[in-house]
Amino acid sequence: MNQDLSNSIGAVGVSGLISIVVSLVCIALAWWALQQVKLDLVVRHPKGPQGKLLHLLLAVVLGRIVAEFLIDYITWSQMIRYMF
């Protein structure tokens, strides 16, 4: 009984760590990809602090959406083993 609980807690910890790493990697990739977007067409001063903050927020939002998809995909693929 105690070992089952320990394994469950360990699995939750690993799942949380994977989620954190995937989220950070996706945010970093979104930041890198957004470097090619010309924000000067939308923002008055893209090099100013508000333009940089907008860039950061866009990277976080885009990265989180992609990470959520990847984490869901990983979870779904792990659930497939219970079908058979």
Protein backbone atom coordinates (compact mmCIF):
# COMPACT_ATOMS: atom_id res chain seq x y z
CA MET A 1 0.00 0.00 0.00
CA ASN A 2 2.70 2.46 1.02
CA GLN A 3 4.81 1.64 -2.05
CA ASP A 4 1.82 2.22 -4.37
CA LEU A 5 1.33 5.66 -2.83
CA SER A 6 5.02 6.39 -3.19
CA ASN A 7 4.94 5.38 -6.87
CA SER A 8 1.87 7.56 -7.46
CA ILE A 9 3.51 10.57 -5.85
CA GLY A 10 6.66 9.96 -7.90
CA ALA A 11 4.62 9.75 -11.12
CA VAL A 12 2.85 13.01 -10.30
CA GLY A 13 6.22 14.65 -9.62
CA VAL A 14 7.67 13.45 -12.92
CA SER A 15 4.54 14.59 -14.75
CA GLY A 16 4.82 18.03 -13.18
CA LEU A 17 8.50 18.29 -14.06
CA ILE A 18 7.80 17.30 -17.67
CA SER A 19 5.04 19.91 -17.87
CA ILE A 20 7.36 22.64 -16.57
CA VAL A 21 10.16 21.74 -18.96
CA VAL A 22 7.84 21.48 -21.99
CA SER A 23 6.23 24.83 -21.11
CA LEU A 24 9.57 26.63 -20.75
CA VAL A 25 10.94 25.14 -23.97
CA CYS A 26 7.78 26.14 -25.89
CA ILE A 27 7.91 29.68 -24.50
CA ALA A 28 11.57 29.96 -25.50
CA LEU A 29 10.77 28.67 -29.00
CA ALA A 30 7.87 31.11 -29.31
CA TRP A 31 10.18 33.97 -28.24
CA TRP A 32 12.71 32.89 -30.87
CA ALA A 33 10.04 32.60 -33.57
CA LEU A 34 8.54 35.99 -32.70
CA GLN A 35 11.90 37.65 -33.36
CA GLN A 36 10.93 37.53 -37.04
CA VAL A 37 7.63 39.35 -36.53
CA LYS A 38 7.71 43.05 -37.41
CA LEU A 39 6.00 44.61 -34.41
CA ASP A 40 6.70 48.10 -35.75
CA LEU A 41 3.66 47.66 -38.01
CA VAL A 42 1.42 47.36 -34.94
CA VAL A 43 3.33 49.04 -32.09
CA ARG A 44 4.46 52.65 -32.18
CA HIS A 45 7.82 52.02 -30.43
CA PRO A 46 8.67 48.32 -30.62
CA LYS A 47 12.12 48.80 -29.05
CA GLY A 48 10.65 50.56 -26.00
CA PRO A 49 9.71 48.82 -22.74
CA GLN A 50 6.04 48.46 -23.71
CA GLY A 51 6.95 46.90 -27.05
CA LYS A 52 9.32 44.47 -25.35
CA LEU A 53 6.68 43.59 -22.77
CA LEU A 54 4.16 42.93 -25.54
CA HIS A 55 6.72 40.70 -27.25
CA LEU A 56 7.26 38.78 -24.00
CA LEU A 57 3.53 38.40 -23.35
CA LEU A 58 2.93 37.17 -26.89
CA ALA A 59 5.72 34.62 -26.47
CA VAL A 60 4.25 33.39 -23.16
CA VAL A 61 0.73 33.08 -24.57
CA LEU A 62 1.82 31.37 -27.79
CA GLY A 63 4.28 29.12 -25.96
CA ARG A 64 1.69 28.12 -23.38
CA ILE A 65 -0.85 27.20 -26.08
CA VAL A 66 1.69 25.01 -27.87
CA ALA A 67 2.88 23.48 -24.58
CA GLU A 68 -0.68 22.70 -23.53
CA PHE A 69 -1.23 20.86 -26.81
CA LEU A 70 2.01 18.88 -26.42
CA ILE A 71 1.29 18.00 -22.79
CA ASP A 72 -2.22 16.87 -23.72
CA TYR A 73 -0.78 14.80 -26.56
CA ILE A 74 1.71 13.13 -24.21
CA THR A 75 -1.07 12.39 -21.72
CA TRP A 76 -3.34 10.98 -24.41
CA SER A 77 -0.58 8.79 -25.81
CA GLN A 78 0.06 7.38 -22.33
CA MET A 79 -3.65 6.57 -21.97
CA ILE A 80 -3.61 4.44 -25.13
CA ARG A 81 -1.91 1.60 -23.26
CA TYR A 82 -5.09 1.15 -21.18
CA MET A 83 -7.12 0.35 -24.31
CA PHE A 84 -5.61 -3.11 -24.77
